[in-house]
């Protein structure tokens, strides 16, 4: 499988896709690579260059090099198509537009300075539900906390230890005991960081325009409806929310 990669650069000559071979370990899940950030050998440069996979195809007419490393998937087809539209509309490189869509703290080229991915330990069942229920019925598990933990996992498939402590009155010691008995295991998963997770954003009402603002807004909308593509100069003092009021109304 071949990946079409856009190199992260503001050089106009590099504002196009370059073909690279997808490593064998990623070929089975190639769909998940679209939107991934990768490191690739480029030209005669000794260091690897950073780029984004924007498409996958079966073959290429060129002799290609292999992707050196997949750094993570931050984009999807919708964002890629939007970035292409932005680049065409505002005469800039696609890679510049793609960088605008990266999560906060991940846009820098220097990987050491990026916000690191968060790894979290989940508790999952190691035995099937029928075997666990059979052992519960046969009184092989006597601890009430272990029983609550297993029932919670049967119902939810997996859980953080903190969730088990809160909702099943369990503890790390209980989980460790179940791991030793072969009922559960602890696995590590990467979770996406959400910069707005701790923020309480209140929903606001639509802005109400003044009489003069409404007149200007109606004039612009009428022109757009008639596809006249007319230029408008909006007059107003600095800080009068000219753009905000006209474009945030919808």
C-alpha atoms as a PDB file:
ATOM      1  CA  UNK A   1       0.000   0.000   0.000  1.00  0.00           C
ATOM      2  CA  UNK A   2       1.148   3.531  -0.816  1.00  0.00           C
ATOM      3  CA  UNK A   3       0.551   6.653   1.278  1.00  0.00           C
ATOM      4  CA  UNK A   4       0.268  10.109  -0.224  1.00  0.00           C
ATOM      5  CA  UNK A   5       2.113  12.429   2.160  1.00  0.00           C
ATOM      6  CA  UNK A   6       2.164  16.226   2.349  1.00  0.00           C
ATOM      7  CA  UNK A   7       5.493  17.425   3.746  1.00  0.00           C
ATOM      8  CA  UNK A   8       5.227  19.978   6.560  1.00  0.00           C
ATOM      9  CA  UNK A   9       6.825  22.956   4.845  1.00  0.00           C
ATOM     10  CA  UNK A  10       5.927  26.467   3.705  1.00  0.00           C
ATOM     11  CA  UNK A  11       8.000  26.100   0.502  1.00  0.00           C
ATOM     12  CA  UNK A  12       5.639  26.464  -2.457  1.00  0.00           C
ATOM     13  CA  UNK A  13       7.406  23.758  -4.500  1.00  0.00           C
ATOM     14  CA  UNK A  14       6.585  21.231  -1.762  1.00  0.00           C
ATOM     15  CA  UNK A  15       2.868  22.033  -1.758  1.00  0.00           C
ATOM     16  CA  UNK A  16       1.977  18.636  -3.258  1.00  0.00           C
ATOM     17  CA  UNK A  17       1.787  14.980  -2.272  1.00  0.00           C
ATOM     18  CA  UNK A  18       4.727  12.570  -2.240  1.00  0.00           C
ATOM     19  CA  UNK A  19       4.343   8.790  -2.381  1.00  0.00           C
ATOM     20  CA  UNK A  20       5.730   6.571   0.401  1.00  0.00           C
ATOM     21  CA  UNK A  21       5.441   2.863   1.109  1.00  0.00           C
ATOM     22  CA  UNK A  22       3.395   1.960   4.171  1.00  0.00           C
ATOM     23  CA  UNK A  23       5.316  -0.305   6.616  1.00  0.00           C
ATOM     24  CA  UNK A  24       4.057  -3.894   6.647  1.00  0.00           C
ATOM     25  CA  UNK A  25       2.806  -3.697  10.256  1.00  0.00           C
ATOM     26  CA  UNK A  26       0.328  -0.953   9.304  1.00  0.00           C
ATOM     27  CA  UNK A  27      -1.064  -2.426   6.070  1.00  0.00           C
ATOM     28  CA  UNK A  28      -3.935  -4.334   7.733  1.00  0.00           C
ATOM     29  CA  UNK A  29      -5.272  -1.159   9.379  1.00  0.00           C
ATOM     30  CA  UNK A  30      -4.328   1.243   6.583  1.00  0.00           C
ATOM     31  CA  UNK A  31      -7.667   3.118   6.846  1.00  0.00           C
ATOM     32  CA  UNK A  32      -6.637   4.390  10.287  1.00  0.00           C
ATOM     33  CA  UNK A  33      -3.495   5.975   8.796  1.00  0.00           C
ATOM     34  CA  UNK A  34      -5.355   8.663   6.852  1.00  0.00           C
ATOM     35  CA  UNK A  35      -4.707  11.875   8.775  1.00  0.00           C
ATOM     36  CA  UNK A  36      -1.682  10.495  10.641  1.00  0.00           C
ATOM     37  CA  UNK A  37       1.454  12.524  11.178  1.00  0.00           C
ATOM     38  CA  UNK A  38       4.571  10.670   9.984  1.00  0.00           C
ATOM     39  CA  UNK A  39       8.330  10.973   9.746  1.00  0.00           C
ATOM     40  CA  UNK A  40       9.745  10.264   6.288  1.00  0.00           C
ATOM     41  CA  UNK A  41      13.107  10.374   4.512  1.00  0.00           C
ATOM     42  CA  UNK A  42      13.015  13.242   2.042  1.00  0.00           C
ATOM     43  CA  UNK A  43      15.428  14.017  -0.772  1.00  0.00           C
ATOM     44  CA  UNK A  44      19.087  14.051   0.256  1.00  0.00           C
ATOM     45  CA  UNK A  45      18.395  15.341   3.760  1.00  0.00           C
ATOM     46  CA  UNK A  46      20.045  13.383   6.571  1.00  0.00           C
ATOM     47  CA  UNK A  47      17.231  14.090   9.036  1.00  0.00           C
ATOM     48  CA  UNK A  48      13.664  12.845   8.715  1.00  0.00           C
ATOM     49  CA  UNK A  49      10.986  15.269   7.615  1.00  0.00           C
ATOM     50  CA  UNK A  50       7.520  15.516   9.110  1.00  0.00           C
ATOM     51  CA  UNK A  51       4.387  15.130   7.032  1.00  0.00           C
ATOM     52  CA  UNK A  52       0.701  14.157   6.988  1.00  0.00           C
ATOM     53  CA  UNK A  53      -0.881  11.179   5.237  1.00  0.00           C
ATOM     54  CA  UNK A  54      -3.767  12.566   3.181  1.00  0.00           C
ATOM     55  CA  UNK A  55      -4.646   9.539   1.062  1.00  0.00           C
ATOM     56  CA  UNK A  56      -3.931   5.819   0.586  1.00  0.00           C
ATOM     57  CA  UNK A  57      -3.672   4.004  -2.753  1.00  0.00           C
ATOM     58  CA  UNK A  58      -2.659   0.532  -3.913  1.00  0.00           C
ATOM     59  CA  UNK A  59       0.276   1.379  -6.169  1.00  0.00           C
ATOM     60  CA  UNK A  60       2.502   4.104  -7.594  1.00  0.00           C
ATOM     61  CA  UNK A  61       4.489   4.673 -10.765  1.00  0.00           C
ATOM     62  CA  UNK A  62       7.515   5.895  -8.796  1.00  0.00           C
ATOM     63  CA  UNK A  63      10.272   4.195  -6.860  1.00  0.00           C
ATOM     64  CA  UNK A  64       9.395   5.095  -3.291  1.00  0.00           C
ATOM     65  CA  UNK A  65      10.936   5.079   0.164  1.00  0.00           C
ATOM     66  CA  UNK A  66       9.215   3.710   3.267  1.00  0.00           C
ATOM     67  CA  UNK A  67       7.628   5.739   6.046  1.00  0.00           C
ATOM     68  CA  UNK A  68      10.079   5.768   8.947  1.00  0.00           C
ATOM     69  CA  UNK A  69       7.658   6.365  11.814  1.00  0.00           C
ATOM     70  CA  UNK A  70       3.969   6.989  12.471  1.00  0.00           C
ATOM     71  CA  UNK A  71       3.592   9.607  15.204  1.00  0.00           C
ATOM     72  CA  UNK A  72      -0.163   9.550  15.738  1.00  0.00           C
ATOM     73  CA  UNK A  73      -3.447  10.303  14.003  1.00  0.00           C
ATOM     74  CA  UNK A  74      -4.897  13.756  14.620  1.00  0.00           C
ATOM     75  CA  UNK A  75      -6.836  14.463  11.412  1.00  0.00           C
ATOM     76  CA  UNK A  76      -9.593  12.899   9.302  1.00  0.00           C
ATOM     77  CA  UNK A  77     -10.799  13.176   5.706  1.00  0.00           C
ATOM     78  CA  UNK A  78     -13.157  16.047   6.525  1.00  0.00           C
ATOM     79  CA  UNK A  79     -10.344  18.158   7.994  1.00  0.00           C
ATOM     80  CA  UNK A  80      -8.009  17.254   5.135  1.00  0.00           C
ATOM     81  CA  UNK A  81     -10.569  18.327   2.536  1.00  0.00           C
ATOM     82  CA  UNK A  82     -11.212  21.527   4.471  1.00  0.00           C
ATOM     83  CA  UNK A  83      -7.469  22.256   4.605  1.00  0.00           C
ATOM     84  CA  UNK A  84      -7.240  21.815   0.835  1.00  0.00           C
ATOM     85  CA  UNK A  85     -10.120  24.225   0.355  1.00  0.00           C
ATOM     86  CA  UNK A  86      -8.474  26.757   2.680  1.00  0.00           C
ATOM     87  CA  UNK A  87      -5.153  26.475   0.847  1.00  0.00           C
ATOM     88  CA  UNK A  88      -6.831  27.097  -2.497  1.00  0.00           C
ATOM     89  CA  UNK A  89      -8.964  29.913  -1.150  1.00  0.00           C
ATOM     90  CA  UNK A  90      -6.179  31.769   0.693  1.00  0.00           C
ATOM     91  CA  UNK A  91      -3.188  30.876  -1.531  1.00  0.00           C
ATOM     92  CA  UNK A  92      -1.154  29.034   1.094  1.00  0.00           C
ATOM     93  CA  UNK A  93       0.304  25.563   1.575  1.00  0.00           C
ATOM     94  CA  UNK A  94      -1.975  22.695   2.582  1.00  0.00           C
ATOM     95  CA  UNK A  95       0.441  21.753   5.384  1.00  0.00           C
ATOM     96  CA  UNK A  96       0.003  25.225   6.956  1.00  0.00           C
ATOM     97  CA  UNK A  97      -3.773  24.689   7.028  1.00  0.00           C
ATOM     98  CA  UNK A  98      -3.438  21.173   8.432  1.00  0.00           C
ATOM     99  CA  UNK A  99      -1.321  22.479  11.320  1.00  0.00           C
ATOM    100  CA  UNK A 100      -4.188  24.795  12.308  1.00  0.00           C
ATOM    101  CA  UNK A 101      -6.358  21.737  12.951  1.00  0.00           C
ATOM    102  CA  UNK A 102      -3.944  19.951  15.281  1.00  0.00           C
ATOM    103  CA  UNK A 103      -4.828  19.775  18.998  1.00  0.00           C
ATOM    104  CA  UNK A 104      -3.239  22.454  21.221  1.00  0.00           C
ATOM    105  CA  UNK A 105       0.344  21.621  22.146  1.00  0.00           C
ATOM    106  CA  UNK A 106       0.936  19.236  19.218  1.00  0.00           C
ATOM    107  CA  UNK A 107       1.628  21.592  16.326  1.00  0.00           C
ATOM    108  CA  UNK A 108       5.351  22.079  16.944  1.00  0.00           C
ATOM    109  CA  UNK A 109       7.853  20.093  14.872  1.00  0.00           C
ATOM    110  CA  UNK A 110       9.976  19.407  17.947  1.00  0.00           C
ATOM    111  CA  UNK A 111       8.416  16.262  19.416  1.00  0.00           C
ATOM    112  CA  UNK A 112       9.972  16.840  22.872  1.00  0.00           C
ATOM    113  CA  UNK A 113       8.018  20.095  23.198  1.00  0.00           C
ATOM    114  CA  UNK A 114       4.638  18.592  22.364  1.00  0.00           C
ATOM    115  CA  UNK A 115       1.930  17.673  24.822  1.00  0.00           C
ATOM    116  CA  UNK A 116       2.553  13.987  25.446  1.00  0.00           C
ATOM    117  CA  UNK A 117      -0.137  11.393  24.857  1.00  0.00           C
ATOM    118  CA  UNK A 118      -1.769  10.248  28.059  1.00  0.00           C
ATOM    119  CA  UNK A 119      -1.504   6.569  29.013  1.00  0.00           C
ATOM    120  CA  UNK A 120      -4.149   5.170  31.344  1.00  0.00           C
ATOM    121  CA  UNK A 121      -4.421   1.746  33.019  1.00  0.00           C
ATOM    122  CA  UNK A 122      -7.725  -0.078  32.483  1.00  0.00           C
ATOM    123  CA  UNK A 123      -8.919  -3.194  34.292  1.00  0.00           C
ATOM    124  CA  UNK A 124     -10.461  -5.787  31.944  1.00  0.00           C
ATOM    125  CA  UNK A 125     -11.780  -9.318  32.295  1.00  0.00           C
ATOM    126  CA  UNK A 126      -9.392 -12.125  31.400  1.00  0.00           C
ATOM    127  CA  UNK A 127     -11.954 -14.950  31.658  1.00  0.00           C
ATOM    128  CA  UNK A 128     -15.282 -15.127  29.833  1.00  0.00           C
ATOM    129  CA  UNK A 129     -18.484 -14.138  31.616  1.00  0.00           C
ATOM    130  CA  UNK A 130     -19.924 -17.681  31.740  1.00  0.00           C
ATOM    131  CA  UNK A 131     -16.888 -19.044  33.579  1.00  0.00           C
ATOM    132  CA  UNK A 132     -16.878 -16.145  36.046  1.00  0.00           C
ATOM    133  CA  UNK A 133     -20.618 -16.500  36.752  1.00  0.00           C
ATOM    134  CA  UNK A 134     -20.132 -20.233  37.252  1.00  0.00           C
ATOM    135  CA  UNK A 135     -17.351 -19.619  39.788  1.00  0.00           C
ATOM    136  CA  UNK A 136     -19.550 -17.082  41.583  1.00  0.00           C
ATOM    137  CA  UNK A 137     -22.421 -19.605  41.810  1.00  0.00           C
ATOM    138  CA  UNK A 138     -20.054 -22.310  43.076  1.00  0.00           C
ATOM    139  CA  UNK A 139     -18.780 -19.964  45.796  1.00  0.00           C
ATOM    140  CA  UNK A 140     -15.203 -20.009  44.460  1.00  0.00           C
ATOM    141  CA  UNK A 141     -15.115 -16.268  45.004  1.00  0.00           C
ATOM    142  CA  UNK A 142     -16.079 -15.339  48.561  1.00  0.00           C
ATOM    143  CA  UNK A 143     -14.868 -11.761  48.936  1.00  0.00           C
ATOM    144  CA  UNK A 144     -17.761  -9.319  48.613  1.00  0.00           C
ATOM    145  CA  UNK A 145     -15.490  -6.624  47.146  1.00  0.00           C
ATOM    146  CA  UNK A 146     -14.146  -9.039  44.556  1.00  0.00           C
ATOM    147  CA  UNK A 147     -17.695 -10.017  43.627  1.00  0.00           C
ATOM    148  CA  UNK A 148     -18.733  -6.380  43.215  1.00  0.00           C
ATOM    149  CA  UNK A 149     -15.649  -5.685  41.114  1.00  0.00           C
ATOM    150  CA  UNK A 150     -16.295  -8.633  38.793  1.00  0.00           C
ATOM    151  CA  UNK A 151     -19.982  -7.782  38.388  1.00  0.00           C
ATOM    152  CA  UNK A 152     -19.089  -4.184  37.577  1.00  0.00           C
ATOM    153  CA  UNK A 153     -16.594  -5.335  34.935  1.00  0.00           C
ATOM    154  CA  UNK A 154     -19.082  -7.811  33.453  1.00  0.00           C
ATOM    155  CA  UNK A 155     -21.538  -4.974  33.028  1.00  0.00           C
ATOM    156  CA  UNK A 156     -19.049  -2.351  31.754  1.00  0.00           C
ATOM    157  CA  UNK A 157     -16.405  -4.532  29.998  1.00  0.00           C
ATOM    158  CA  UNK A 158     -13.553  -2.361  31.318  1.00  0.00           C
ATOM    159  CA  UNK A 159     -12.969   0.293  33.957  1.00  0.00           C
ATOM    160  CA  UNK A 160     -10.388   2.556  35.511  1.00  0.00           C
ATOM    161  CA  UNK A 161      -9.275   1.608  39.013  1.00  0.00           C
ATOM    162  CA  UNK A 162     -10.555   4.986  40.201  1.00  0.00           C
ATOM    163  CA  UNK A 163     -14.002   4.126  38.783  1.00  0.00           C
ATOM    164  CA  UNK A 164     -13.948   0.752  40.515  1.00  0.00           C
ATOM    165  CA  UNK A 165     -13.104   2.468  43.787  1.00  0.00           C
ATOM    166  CA  UNK A 166     -15.944   4.942  43.363  1.00  0.00           C
ATOM    167  CA  UNK A 167     -18.729   2.775  41.941  1.00  0.00           C
ATOM    168  CA  UNK A 168     -17.884  -0.724  43.175  1.00  0.00           C
ATOM    169  CA  UNK A 169     -16.246   0.115  46.512  1.00  0.00           C
ATOM    170  CA  UNK A 170     -13.145  -1.706  45.269  1.00  0.00           C
ATOM    171  CA  UNK A 171      -9.418  -0.992  45.643  1.00  0.00           C
ATOM    172  CA  UNK A 172      -6.087  -1.626  43.978  1.00  0.00           C
ATOM    173  CA  UNK A 173      -5.496  -4.532  46.371  1.00  0.00           C
ATOM    174  CA  UNK A 174      -8.771  -6.168  45.267  1.00  0.00           C
ATOM    175  CA  UNK A 175      -7.840  -5.740  41.595  1.00  0.00           C
ATOM    176  CA  UNK A 176      -4.380  -7.219  42.216  1.00  0.00           C
ATOM    177  CA  UNK A 177      -5.938 -10.216  43.972  1.00  0.00           C
ATOM    178  CA  UNK A 178      -8.263 -10.838  41.007  1.00  0.00           C
ATOM    179  CA  UNK A 179      -5.311 -10.521  38.615  1.00  0.00           C
ATOM    180  CA  UNK A 180      -3.402 -13.197  40.566  1.00  0.00           C
ATOM    181  CA  UNK A 181      -6.416 -15.508  40.352  1.00  0.00           C
ATOM    182  CA  UNK A 182      -6.555 -14.966  36.564  1.00  0.00           C
ATOM    183  CA  UNK A 183      -9.942 -13.216  36.458  1.00  0.00           C
ATOM    184  CA  UNK A 184      -8.708  -9.795  35.397  1.00  0.00           C
ATOM    185  CA  UNK A 185      -5.708  -8.028  33.923  1.00  0.00           C
ATOM    186  CA  UNK A 186      -4.499  -4.445  33.719  1.00  0.00           C
ATOM    187  CA  UNK A 187      -3.833  -3.037  30.250  1.00  0.00           C
ATOM    188  CA  UNK A 188      -2.452   0.326  29.220  1.00  0.00           C
ATOM    189  CA  UNK A 189      -4.319   2.460  26.693  1.00  0.00           C
ATOM    190  CA  UNK A 190      -3.597   5.801  25.102  1.00  0.00           C
ATOM    191  CA  UNK A 191      -6.371   8.342  25.536  1.00  0.00           C
ATOM    192  CA  UNK A 192      -6.794  11.610  23.675  1.00  0.00           C
ATOM    193  CA  UNK A 193      -6.251  14.701  25.779  1.00  0.00           C
ATOM    194  CA  UNK A 194      -9.125  17.163  25.775  1.00  0.00           C
ATOM    195  CA  UNK A 195      -7.943  20.739  26.504  1.00  0.00           C
ATOM    196  CA  UNK A 196     -11.528  21.776  27.301  1.00  0.00           C
ATOM    197  CA  UNK A 197     -12.257  18.895  29.697  1.00  0.00           C
ATOM    198  CA  UNK A 198     -11.927  21.009  32.840  1.00  0.00           C
ATOM    199  CA  UNK A 199     -13.457  24.149  31.363  1.00  0.00           C
ATOM    200  CA  UNK A 200     -17.051  25.066  32.106  1.00  0.00           C
ATOM    201  CA  UNK A 201     -18.246  26.773  28.929  1.00  0.00           C
ATOM    202  CA  UNK A 202     -21.669  28.318  29.314  1.00  0.00           C
ATOM    203  CA  UNK A 203     -23.961  28.388  26.318  1.00  0.00           C
ATOM    204  CA  UNK A 204     -24.696  31.935  25.185  1.00  0.00           C
ATOM    205  CA  UNK A 205     -27.697  33.348  23.381  1.00  0.00           C
ATOM    206  CA  UNK A 206     -27.546  34.699  19.852  1.00  0.00           C
ATOM    207  CA  UNK A 207     -26.413  38.300  19.662  1.00  0.00           C
ATOM    208  CA  UNK A 208     -29.078  40.885  19.021  1.00  0.00           C
ATOM    209  CA  UNK A 209     -28.123  43.400  16.355  1.00  0.00           C
ATOM    210  CA  UNK A 210     -28.791  47.091  16.535  1.00  0.00           C
ATOM    211  CA  UNK A 211     -31.000  48.673  13.889  1.00  0.00           C
ATOM    212  CA  UNK A 212     -27.988  49.829  11.810  1.00  0.00           C
ATOM    213  CA  UNK A 213     -26.231  46.471  12.169  1.00  0.00           C
ATOM    214  CA  UNK A 214     -29.382  44.619  11.098  1.00  0.00           C
ATOM    215  CA  UNK A 215     -29.665  46.835   8.016  1.00  0.00           C
ATOM    216  CA  UNK A 216     -26.056  46.072   7.039  1.00  0.00           C
ATOM    217  CA  UNK A 217     -26.551  42.381   7.737  1.00  0.00           C
ATOM    218  CA  UNK A 218     -29.696  42.213   5.572  1.00  0.00           C
ATOM    219  CA  UNK A 219     -27.951  43.998   2.709  1.00  0.00           C
ATOM    220  CA  UNK A 220     -25.050  41.538   2.732  1.00  0.00           C
ATOM    221  CA  UNK A 221     -27.369  38.515   2.981  1.00  0.00           C
ATOM    222  CA  UNK A 222     -29.502  39.755   0.070  1.00  0.00           C
ATOM    223  CA  UNK A 223     -26.358  40.114  -2.043  1.00  0.00           C
ATOM    224  CA  UNK A 224     -25.242  36.580  -1.153  1.00  0.00           C
ATOM    225  CA  UNK A 225     -28.681  35.156  -1.943  1.00  0.00           C
ATOM    226  CA  UNK A 226     -28.556  36.842  -5.380  1.00  0.00           C
ATOM    227  CA  UNK A 227     -24.951  35.571  -5.897  1.00  0.00           C
ATOM    228  CA  UNK A 228     -23.754  39.080  -6.691  1.00  0.00           C
ATOM    229  CA  UNK A 229     -20.348  38.686  -4.961  1.00  0.00           C
ATOM    230  CA  UNK A 230     -20.282  42.371  -4.095  1.00  0.00           C
ATOM    231  CA  UNK A 231     -17.626  43.928  -1.864  1.00  0.00           C
ATOM    232  CA  UNK A 232     -18.809  45.741   1.268  1.00  0.00           C
ATOM    233  CA  UNK A 233     -16.973  48.169   3.505  1.00  0.00           C
ATOM    234  CA  UNK A 234     -18.350  47.981   7.040  1.00  0.00           C
ATOM    235  CA  UNK A 235     -17.835  51.267   8.872  1.00  0.00           C
ATOM    236  CA  UNK A 236     -17.554  51.390  12.639  1.00  0.00           C
ATOM    237  CA  UNK A 237     -15.249  52.408  15.442  1.00  0.00           C
ATOM    238  CA  UNK A 238     -12.638  49.954  16.722  1.00  0.00           C
ATOM    239  CA  UNK A 239     -14.146  47.421  19.106  1.00  0.00           C
ATOM    240  CA  UNK A 240     -17.710  47.804  17.811  1.00  0.00           C
ATOM    241  CA  UNK A 241     -17.838  44.069  16.991  1.00  0.00           C
ATOM    242  CA  UNK A 242     -18.339  44.571  13.253  1.00  0.00           C
ATOM    243  CA  UNK A 243     -17.159  41.086  12.287  1.00  0.00           C
ATOM    244  CA  UNK A 244     -18.464  39.351  15.378  1.00  0.00           C
ATOM    245  CA  UNK A 245     -21.965  40.711  15.129  1.00  0.00           C
ATOM    246  CA  UNK A 246     -22.297  40.117  11.409  1.00  0.00           C
ATOM    247  CA  UNK A 247     -20.914  36.607  11.249  1.00  0.00           C
ATOM    248  CA  UNK A 248     -21.728  35.149  14.692  1.00  0.00           C
ATOM    249  CA  UNK A 249     -25.432  35.915  14.337  1.00  0.00           C
ATOM    250  CA  UNK A 250     -25.996  32.546  12.692  1.00  0.00           C
END
